[in-house]
Each structure stands twice: as C-alpha cells, then as structure tokens.
Protein backbone atom coordinates (compact mmCIF):
# COMPACT_ATOMS: atom_id res chain seq x y z
CA MET A 1 140.98 79.51 -39.08
CA ALA A 2 144.69 80.31 -39.17
CA ASP A 3 147.25 77.83 -37.86
CA THR A 4 148.12 79.21 -34.43
CA LYS A 5 151.62 77.75 -34.30
CA THR A 6 152.58 79.21 -37.68
CA VAL A 7 151.13 82.60 -36.78
CA GLU A 8 152.99 82.64 -33.47
CA LEU A 9 156.33 81.65 -35.05
CA GLN A 10 155.97 84.23 -37.80
CA VAL A 11 155.02 86.99 -35.35
CA TYR A 12 158.15 86.45 -33.26
CA ALA A 13 160.42 86.11 -36.30
CA MET A 14 158.95 89.20 -37.94
CA GLN A 15 159.37 91.22 -34.76
CA LYS A 16 163.04 90.27 -34.71
CA ASP A 17 163.44 91.23 -38.37
CA ARG A 18 161.75 94.58 -37.69
CA ALA A 19 164.06 95.23 -34.72
CA ASP A 20 167.07 94.33 -36.87
CA PHE A 21 165.85 96.71 -39.59
CA ILE A 22 165.39 99.56 -37.11
CA THR A 23 168.79 99.03 -35.48
CA LYS A 24 170.42 98.44 -38.89
CA LYS A 25 171.76 95.02 -37.87
CA ARG A 26 170.31 93.62 -41.09
CA PHE A 27 168.44 94.95 -44.10
CA VAL A 28 170.99 97.79 -44.30
CA GLY A 29 170.30 100.24 -47.11
CA MET A 30 166.75 99.02 -47.56
CA THR A 31 163.99 101.63 -47.63
CA LEU A 32 160.94 101.21 -45.41
CA PRO A 33 158.62 100.38 -48.36
CA ALA A 34 161.14 97.81 -49.63
CA PHE A 35 161.43 96.32 -46.14
CA ILE A 36 157.64 96.06 -45.81
CA GLU A 37 157.47 94.30 -49.17
CA GLU A 38 160.26 91.94 -48.09
CA MET A 39 158.33 91.14 -44.90
CA ARG A 40 155.17 90.55 -46.93
CA LYS A 41 157.01 88.05 -49.10
CA THR A 42 158.80 86.40 -46.17
CA TYR A 43 155.74 86.20 -43.94
CA THR A 44 153.08 85.55 -46.57
CA TYR A 45 151.10 83.25 -44.29
CA LEU A 46 150.85 85.88 -41.54
CA HIS A 47 150.07 88.64 -44.04
CA ASP A 48 147.35 86.63 -45.74
CA SER A 49 145.79 85.05 -42.65
CA SER A 50 145.93 88.10 -40.37
CA LYS A 51 146.78 91.33 -42.17
CA SER A 52 145.81 93.41 -39.14
CA LEU A 53 148.33 91.54 -36.98
CA PHE A 54 150.96 91.93 -39.71
CA ASP A 55 150.27 95.68 -39.79
CA LYS A 56 150.47 95.94 -35.99
CA ILE A 57 153.90 94.33 -36.01
CA MET A 58 155.09 96.65 -38.76
CA ALA A 59 153.80 99.63 -36.77
CA GLY A 60 155.63 98.42 -33.66
CA GLU A 61 152.45 97.94 -31.63
CA LEU A 62 153.59 94.57 -30.28
CA ASP A 63 156.72 96.23 -28.88
CA ASP A 64 154.44 97.46 -26.07
CA PRO A 65 154.46 94.75 -23.37
CA LYS A 66 150.71 95.18 -22.78
CA ASN A 67 149.96 94.50 -26.43
CA MET A 68 152.35 91.54 -26.48
CA ASP A 69 150.67 90.13 -23.37
CA LEU A 70 147.30 90.49 -25.09
CA PHE A 71 148.65 88.71 -28.18
CA LYS A 72 150.01 85.85 -26.05
CA HIS A 73 146.70 85.61 -24.21
CA MET A 74 144.80 85.46 -27.50
CA MET A 75 147.12 82.71 -28.79
CA MET A 76 146.60 80.73 -25.58
CA ILE A 77 142.83 81.02 -25.99
CA ARG A 78 143.05 79.97 -29.65
CA LYS A 79 145.07 76.89 -28.66
CA THR A 80 142.75 75.86 -25.83
CA THR A 81 139.57 76.44 -27.83
CA ALA A 82 140.76 75.06 -31.17
CA ASN A 83 138.36 72.11 -31.10
CA MET A 84 135.38 74.02 -29.73
CA ALA A 85 132.45 75.53 -31.51
CA GLN A 86 132.90 79.27 -32.11
CA LYS A 87 130.03 80.05 -29.72
CA ASP A 88 131.72 78.14 -26.87
CA ALA A 89 135.11 79.72 -27.58
CA ASP A 90 133.53 83.19 -27.61
CA MET A 91 131.84 82.47 -24.29
CA ILE A 92 135.14 81.45 -22.67
CA TYR A 93 136.89 84.54 -24.02
CA GLY A 94 134.04 86.75 -22.78
CA GLN A 95 134.25 85.23 -19.30
CA GLN A 96 138.00 85.80 -19.16
CA MET A 97 137.69 89.41 -20.30
CA PHE A 98 134.91 90.01 -17.76
CA LYS A 99 137.10 88.70 -14.94
CA LYS A 100 140.05 90.77 -16.09
CA TYR A 101 138.37 94.11 -16.82
CA VAL A 102 134.82 94.33 -15.49
CA GLU A 103 134.93 92.39 -12.23
CA PRO A 104 137.69 94.57 -10.68
CA LEU A 105 135.67 97.70 -11.47
CA VAL A 106 132.54 96.26 -9.88
CA LYS A 107 134.45 95.19 -6.76
CA ASP A 108 136.12 98.61 -6.51
CA LYS A 109 132.78 100.36 -6.79
CA GLU A 110 131.25 98.07 -4.15
CA ASN A 111 134.16 98.66 -1.75
CA ASN A 112 134.27 102.43 -2.28
CA GLY A 113 130.54 102.95 -2.27
C-alpha cells in the first residue's frame, strides 16, 4: 500500500507544477511530452504507486473541486483505516458512500412518494 503522506505531498506539488506549466510561470519552452516526462521523473513515487492518480493530475481532473474533495476524502479514509484489515476498511468506505449518495435518494423518494 502506498505511503499516504508521500502521495498527498506529491499530488499537491505536482498540481502546482502543472499550473505553473500552463500559466508559463515555470517550465517555459518545454513541450507537453517533455513536461510529462519531467513530472514522471520528479514524481516517480506517485507515478509508480498510483499511475491513474498521476494521469488524472496531468489531465487536470483534480482541478475540479468535486474531484479534489473526493481525493481528500479518500486520503482521510486511507489514514484512518491504515491499520485495519482491507475488509474492515472497505466496509467503512462503503458505509460512508451509502450515507453520502444512496441514503439521500431513499429519503427523497420516501418524502416525495
């Protein structure tokens, strides 16, 4: 399992680097493929431990506040369930997702017939 603290630090740092690349504050004159390769070298741990998260940052998906909130929520769950068995951690995550997404729909349906 990836080190949550390292992943979190690298996500925030990589987001800043990506923003600086887009706004040309840094990495001036660098092509997109060269920038991606630079990020892969700089954030090797993130790339190797969670390539999908690395790709989402590069695609700008974490720029969306909803996606960033989901990322933060996932990191919080990883931190609080770090010493639990996977089954127990999955159960806690499932309960939280039920309360967030399913329960409001059920209550709405009950109230509106």
